[in-house]
Amino acid sequence: MRLHQGDCITLRSDAGLFQVIGIDGDHDRCWVRQWPLKPQGSPVFEVPLNQIKSPSVSD
């Protein structure tokens, strides 16, 4: 899976939706925040790339 800044993803440990803020491919890390943003803001946190998966699309 290729990640880009702004992509929406899910985490293996959480069913919520998150937005990719930054990616460090050299260290297999990225920074994400909960999406949609909360009115008071959503904190950014670091996760290993192996904990990321694409969101499920259901119609």
PDB file of N, CA and C in Angstrom:
ATOM      1  N   MET A   1       0.850  -1.179   0.000  1.00  0.00           N
ATOM      2  CA  MET A   1       0.000   0.000   0.000  1.00  0.00           C
ATOM      3  C   MET A   1       0.891   1.237   0.000  1.00  0.00           C
ATOM      4  N   ARG A   2       0.563   2.186  -0.829  1.00  0.00           N
ATOM      5  CA  ARG A   2       1.279   3.464  -0.866  1.00  0.00           C
ATOM      6  C   ARG A   2       0.506   4.494  -0.077  1.00  0.00           C
ATOM      7  N   LEU A   3       1.211   5.206   0.782  1.00  0.00           N
ATOM      8  CA  LEU A   3       0.597   6.262   1.580  1.00  0.00           C
ATOM      9  C   LEU A   3       1.012   7.618   1.051  1.00  0.00           C
ATOM     10  N   HIS A   4       0.105   8.544   1.143  1.00  0.00           N
ATOM     11  CA  HIS A   4       0.382   9.936   0.780  1.00  0.00           C
ATOM     12  C   HIS A   4      -0.190  10.829   1.874  1.00  0.00           C
ATOM     13  N   GLN A   5       0.432  11.958   2.055  1.00  0.00           N
ATOM     14  CA  GLN A   5      -0.077  12.923   3.020  1.00  0.00           C
ATOM     15  C   GLN A   5      -1.509  13.280   2.647  1.00  0.00           C
ATOM     16  N   GLY A   6      -2.415  13.247   3.629  1.00  0.00           N
ATOM     17  CA  GLY A   6      -3.823  13.552   3.390  1.00  0.00           C
ATOM     18  C   GLY A   6      -4.696  12.326   3.205  1.00  0.00           C
ATOM     19  N   ASP A   7      -4.083  11.146   2.976  1.00  0.00           N
ATOM     20  CA  ASP A   7      -4.868   9.914   2.825  1.00  0.00           C
ATOM     21  C   ASP A   7      -5.644   9.609   4.103  1.00  0.00           C
ATOM     22  N   CYS A   8      -6.800   8.992   3.958  1.00  0.00           N
ATOM     23  CA  CYS A   8      -7.552   8.493   5.106  1.00  0.00           C
ATOM     24  C   CYS A   8      -7.314   6.998   5.207  1.00  0.00           C
ATOM     25  N   ILE A   9      -6.999   6.539   6.421  1.00  0.00           N
ATOM     26  CA  ILE A   9      -6.651   5.144   6.662  1.00  0.00           C
ATOM     27  C   ILE A   9      -7.329   4.669   7.947  1.00  0.00           C
ATOM     28  N   THR A  10      -7.251   3.378   8.201  1.00  0.00           N
ATOM     29  CA  THR A  10      -7.651   2.833   9.490  1.00  0.00           C
ATOM     30  C   THR A  10      -6.431   2.165  10.106  1.00  0.00           C
ATOM     31  N   LEU A  11      -6.509   1.920  11.400  1.00  0.00           N
ATOM     32  CA  LEU A  11      -5.427   1.255  12.113  1.00  0.00           C
ATOM     33  C   LEU A  11      -5.871  -0.146  12.494  1.00  0.00           C
ATOM     34  N   ARG A  12      -4.932  -1.060  12.572  1.00  0.00           N
ATOM     35  CA  ARG A  12      -5.256  -2.430  12.974  1.00  0.00           C
ATOM     36  C   ARG A  12      -5.817  -2.468  14.395  1.00  0.00           C
ATOM     37  N   SER A  13      -5.447  -1.497  15.228  1.00  0.00           N
ATOM     38  CA  SER A  13      -5.860  -1.491  16.623  1.00  0.00           C
ATOM     39  C   SER A  13      -7.085  -0.617  16.902  1.00  0.00           C
ATOM     40  N   ASP A  14      -7.633   0.042  15.884  1.00  0.00           N
ATOM     41  CA  ASP A  14      -8.743   0.978  16.093  1.00  0.00           C
ATOM     42  C   ASP A  14      -9.616   1.001  14.853  1.00  0.00           C
ATOM     43  N   ALA A  15     -10.931   0.948  15.035  1.00  0.00           N
ATOM     44  CA  ALA A  15     -11.862   0.930  13.903  1.00  0.00           C
ATOM     45  C   ALA A  15     -12.125   2.317  13.337  1.00  0.00           C
ATOM     46  N   GLY A  16     -11.635   3.369  13.993  1.00  0.00           N
ATOM     47  CA  GLY A  16     -11.888   4.727  13.532  1.00  0.00           C
ATOM     48  C   GLY A  16     -11.135   5.068  12.257  1.00  0.00           C
ATOM     49  N   LEU A  17     -11.445   6.214  11.712  1.00  0.00           N
ATOM     50  CA  LEU A  17     -10.808   6.708  10.505  1.00  0.00           C
ATOM     51  C   LEU A  17      -9.773   7.761  10.898  1.00  0.00           C
ATOM     52  N   PHE A  18      -8.607   7.735  10.239  1.00  0.00           N
ATOM     53  CA  PHE A  18      -7.513   8.645  10.552  1.00  0.00           C
ATOM     54  C   PHE A  18      -6.960   9.245   9.275  1.00  0.00           C
ATOM     55  N   GLN A  19      -6.409  10.450   9.383  1.00  0.00           N
ATOM     56  CA  GLN A  19      -5.795  11.143   8.251  1.00  0.00           C
ATOM     57  C   GLN A  19      -4.283  11.127   8.431  1.00  0.00           C
ATOM     58  N   VAL A  20      -3.569  10.797   7.360  1.00  0.00           N
ATOM     59  CA  VAL A  20      -2.108  10.788   7.382  1.00  0.00           C
ATOM     60  C   VAL A  20      -1.610  12.232   7.314  1.00  0.00           C
ATOM     61  N   ILE A  21      -0.763  12.597   8.283  1.00  0.00           N
ATOM     62  CA  ILE A  21      -0.210  13.945   8.350  1.00  0.00           C
ATOM     63  C   ILE A  21       1.205  13.980   7.795  1.00  0.00           C
ATOM     64  N   GLY A  22       1.986  12.960   8.095  1.00  0.00           N
ATOM     65  CA  GLY A  22       3.367  12.891   7.617  1.00  0.00           C
ATOM     66  C   GLY A  22       3.829  11.450   7.578  1.00  0.00           C
ATOM     67  N   ILE A  23       4.848  11.163   6.753  1.00  0.00           N
ATOM     68  CA  ILE A  23       5.345   9.807   6.571  1.00  0.00           C
ATOM     69  C   ILE A  23       6.868   9.825   6.639  1.00  0.00           C
ATOM     70  N   ASP A  24       7.431   8.892   7.404  1.00  0.00           N
ATOM     71  CA  ASP A  24       8.874   8.702   7.473  1.00  0.00           C
ATOM     72  C   ASP A  24       9.159   7.274   7.042  1.00  0.00           C
ATOM     73  N   GLY A  25       9.291   7.069   5.736  1.00  0.00           N
ATOM     74  CA  GLY A  25       9.526   5.739   5.188  1.00  0.00           C
ATOM     75  C   GLY A  25      10.853   5.151   5.605  1.00  0.00           C
ATOM     76  N   ASP A  26      11.849   5.980   5.880  1.00  0.00           N
ATOM     77  CA  ASP A  26      13.162   5.488   6.302  1.00  0.00           C
ATOM     78  C   ASP A  26      13.098   4.797   7.658  1.00  0.00           C
ATOM     79  N   HIS A  27      12.163   5.230   8.504  1.00  0.00           N
ATOM     80  CA  HIS A  27      12.024   4.647   9.843  1.00  0.00           C
ATOM     81  C   HIS A  27      10.703   3.904  10.020  1.00  0.00           C
ATOM     82  N   ASP A  28       9.985   3.676   8.912  1.00  0.00           N
ATOM     83  CA  ASP A  28       8.716   2.935   8.929  1.00  0.00           C
ATOM     84  C   ASP A  28       7.721   3.479   9.946  1.00  0.00           C
ATOM     85  N   ARG A  29       7.536   4.790   9.934  1.00  0.00           N
ATOM     86  CA  ARG A  29       6.616   5.481  10.846  1.00  0.00           C
ATOM     87  C   ARG A  29       5.787   6.477  10.054  1.00  0.00           C
ATOM     88  N   CYS A  30       4.635   6.820  10.609  1.00  0.00           N
ATOM     89  CA  CYS A  30       3.882   7.946  10.066  1.00  0.00           C
ATOM     90  C   CYS A  30       3.121   8.613  11.200  1.00  0.00           C
ATOM     91  N   TRP A  31       2.642   9.798  10.938  1.00  0.00           N
ATOM     92  CA  TRP A  31       1.889  10.575  11.913  1.00  0.00           C
ATOM     93  C   TRP A  31       0.473  10.727  11.397  1.00  0.00           C
ATOM     94  N   VAL A  32      -0.481  10.505  12.272  1.00  0.00           N
ATOM     95  CA  VAL A  32      -1.896  10.527  11.897  1.00  0.00           C
ATOM     96  C   VAL A  32      -2.697  11.311  12.930  1.00  0.00           C
ATOM     97  N   ARG A  33      -3.911  11.667  12.547  1.00  0.00           N
ATOM     98  CA  ARG A  33      -4.875  12.272  13.475  1.00  0.00           C
ATOM     99  C   ARG A  33      -6.243  11.727  13.122  1.00  0.00           C
ATOM    100  N   GLN A  34      -7.121  11.729  14.116  1.00  0.00           N
ATOM    101  CA  GLN A  34      -8.478  11.219  13.909  1.00  0.00           C
ATOM    102  C   GLN A  34      -9.194  12.080  12.880  1.00  0.00           C
ATOM    103  N   TRP A  35     -10.020  11.429  12.058  1.00  0.00           N
ATOM    104  CA  TRP A  35     -10.778  12.115  11.022  1.00  0.00           C
ATOM    105  C   TRP A  35     -12.226  11.678  11.110  1.00  0.00           C
ATOM    106  N   PRO A  36     -13.204  12.530  10.999  1.00  0.00           N
ATOM    107  CA  PRO A  36     -13.079  13.980  10.795  1.00  0.00           C
ATOM    108  C   PRO A  36     -12.536  14.664  12.054  1.00  0.00           C
ATOM    109  N   LEU A  37     -12.015  15.850  11.846  1.00  0.00           N
ATOM    110  CA  LEU A  37     -11.448  16.601  12.958  1.00  0.00           C
ATOM    111  C   LEU A  37     -12.515  16.917  13.988  1.00  0.00           C
ATOM    112  N   LYS A  38     -12.139  16.852  15.255  1.00  0.00           N
ATOM    113  CA  LYS A  38     -13.038  17.238  16.339  1.00  0.00           C
ATOM    114  C   LYS A  38     -13.061  18.762  16.421  1.00  0.00           C
ATOM    115  N   PRO A  39     -14.124  19.351  16.946  1.00  0.00           N
ATOM    116  CA  PRO A  39     -14.201  20.823  17.031  1.00  0.00           C
ATOM    117  C   PRO A  39     -13.009  21.440  17.778  1.00  0.00           C
ATOM    118  N   GLN A  40     -12.499  20.761  18.800  1.00  0.00           N
ATOM    119  CA  GLN A  40     -11.367  21.296  19.547  1.00  0.00           C
ATOM    120  C   GLN A  40     -10.037  20.839  18.947  1.00  0.00           C
ATOM    121  N   GLY A  41     -10.077  20.117  17.842  1.00  0.00           N
ATOM    122  CA  GLY A  41      -8.870  19.623  17.177  1.00  0.00           C
ATOM    123  C   GLY A  41      -8.630  18.162  17.503  1.00  0.00           C
ATOM    124  N   SER A  42      -7.863  17.509  16.684  1.00  0.00           N
ATOM    125  CA  SER A  42      -7.522  16.102  16.892  1.00  0.00           C
ATOM    126  C   SER A  42      -6.014  15.994  17.055  1.00  0.00           C
ATOM    127  N   PRO A  43      -5.552  15.398  18.162  1.00  0.00           N
ATOM    128  CA  PRO A  43      -4.109  15.299  18.368  1.00  0.00           C
ATOM    129  C   PRO A  43      -3.446  14.407  17.323  1.00  0.00           C
ATOM    130  N   VAL A  44      -2.221  14.745  16.989  1.00  0.00           N
ATOM    131  CA  VAL A  44      -1.417  13.972  16.052  1.00  0.00           C
ATOM    132  C   VAL A  44      -0.581  12.982  16.859  1.00  0.00           C
ATOM    133  N   PHE A  45      -0.496  11.745  16.366  1.00  0.00           N
ATOM    134  CA  PHE A  45       0.347  10.757  17.038  1.00  0.00           C
ATOM    135  C   PHE A  45       1.039   9.878  16.008  1.00  0.00           C
ATOM    136  N   GLU A  46       2.112   9.242  16.451  1.00  0.00           N
ATOM    137  CA  GLU A  46       2.956   8.427  15.587  1.00  0.00           C
ATOM    138  C   GLU A  46       2.533   6.968  15.666  1.00  0.00           C
ATOM    139  N   VAL A  47       2.534   6.294  14.510  1.00  0.00           N
ATOM    140  CA  VAL A  47       2.241   4.862  14.466  1.00  0.00           C
ATOM    141  C   VAL A  47       3.214   4.184  13.499  1.00  0.00           C
ATOM    142  N   PRO A  48       3.539   2.913  13.760  1.00  0.00           N
ATOM    143  CA  PRO A  48       4.352   2.160  12.811  1.00  0.00           C
ATOM    144  C   PRO A  48       3.559   1.892  11.527  1.00  0.00           C
ATOM    145  N   LEU A  49       4.226   1.881  10.400  1.00  0.00           N
ATOM    146  CA  LEU A  49       3.541   1.660   9.124  1.00  0.00           C
ATOM    147  C   LEU A  49       2.853   0.296   9.078  1.00  0.00           C
ATOM    148  N   ASN A  50       3.370  -0.698   9.794  1.00  0.00           N
ATOM    149  CA  ASN A  50       2.744  -2.022   9.749  1.00  0.00           C
ATOM    150  C   ASN A  50       1.423  -2.076  10.517  1.00  0.00           C
ATOM    151  N   GLN A  51       1.038  -0.995  11.191  1.00  0.00           N
ATOM    152  CA  GLN A  51      -0.237  -0.934  11.904  1.00  0.00           C
ATOM    153  C   GLN A  51      -1.335  -0.254  11.076  1.00  0.00           C
ATOM    154  N   ILE A  52      -1.001   0.116   9.842  1.00  0.00           N
ATOM    155  CA  ILE A  52      -1.936   0.855   8.977  1.00  0.00           C
ATOM    156  C   ILE A  52      -2.558  -0.083   7.957  1.00  0.00           C
ATOM    157  N   LYS A  53      -3.849   0.141   7.720  1.00  0.00           N
ATOM    158  CA  LYS A  53      -4.529  -0.577   6.641  1.00  0.00           C
ATOM    159  C   LYS A  53      -5.458   0.400   5.934  1.00  0.00           C
ATOM    160  N   SER A  54      -5.808   0.079   4.710  1.00  0.00           N
ATOM    161  CA  SER A  54      -6.730   0.930   3.961  1.00  0.00           C
ATOM    162  C   SER A  54      -8.128   0.820   4.561  1.00  0.00           C
ATOM    163  N   PRO A  55      -8.901   1.906   4.535  1.00  0.00           N
ATOM    164  CA  PRO A  55     -10.268   1.824   5.077  1.00  0.00           C
ATOM    165  C   PRO A  55     -11.127   0.906   4.223  1.00  0.00           C
ATOM    166  N   SER A  56     -12.055   0.216   4.874  1.00  0.00           N
ATOM    167  CA  SER A  56     -13.006  -0.630   4.145  1.00  0.00           C
ATOM    168  C   SER A  56     -14.022   0.264   3.471  1.00  0.00           C
ATOM    169  N   VAL A  57     -14.353  -0.087   2.260  1.00  0.00           N
ATOM    170  CA  VAL A  57     -15.371   0.665   1.531  1.00  0.00           C
ATOM    171  C   VAL A  57     -16.613  -0.195   1.466  1.00  0.00           C
ATOM    172  N   SER A  58     -17.708   0.292   2.017  1.00  0.00           N
ATOM    173  CA  SER A  58     -18.949  -0.481   1.976  1.00  0.00           C
ATOM    174  C   SER A  58     -20.063   0.397   1.426  1.00  0.00           C
ATOM    175  N   ASP A  59     -20.727  -0.093   0.419  1.00  0.00           N
ATOM    176  CA  ASP A  59     -21.844   0.638  -0.213  1.00  0.00           C
ATOM    177  C   ASP A  59     -23.097  -0.178  -0.130  1.00  0.00           C
TER     178      ASP A  59
END
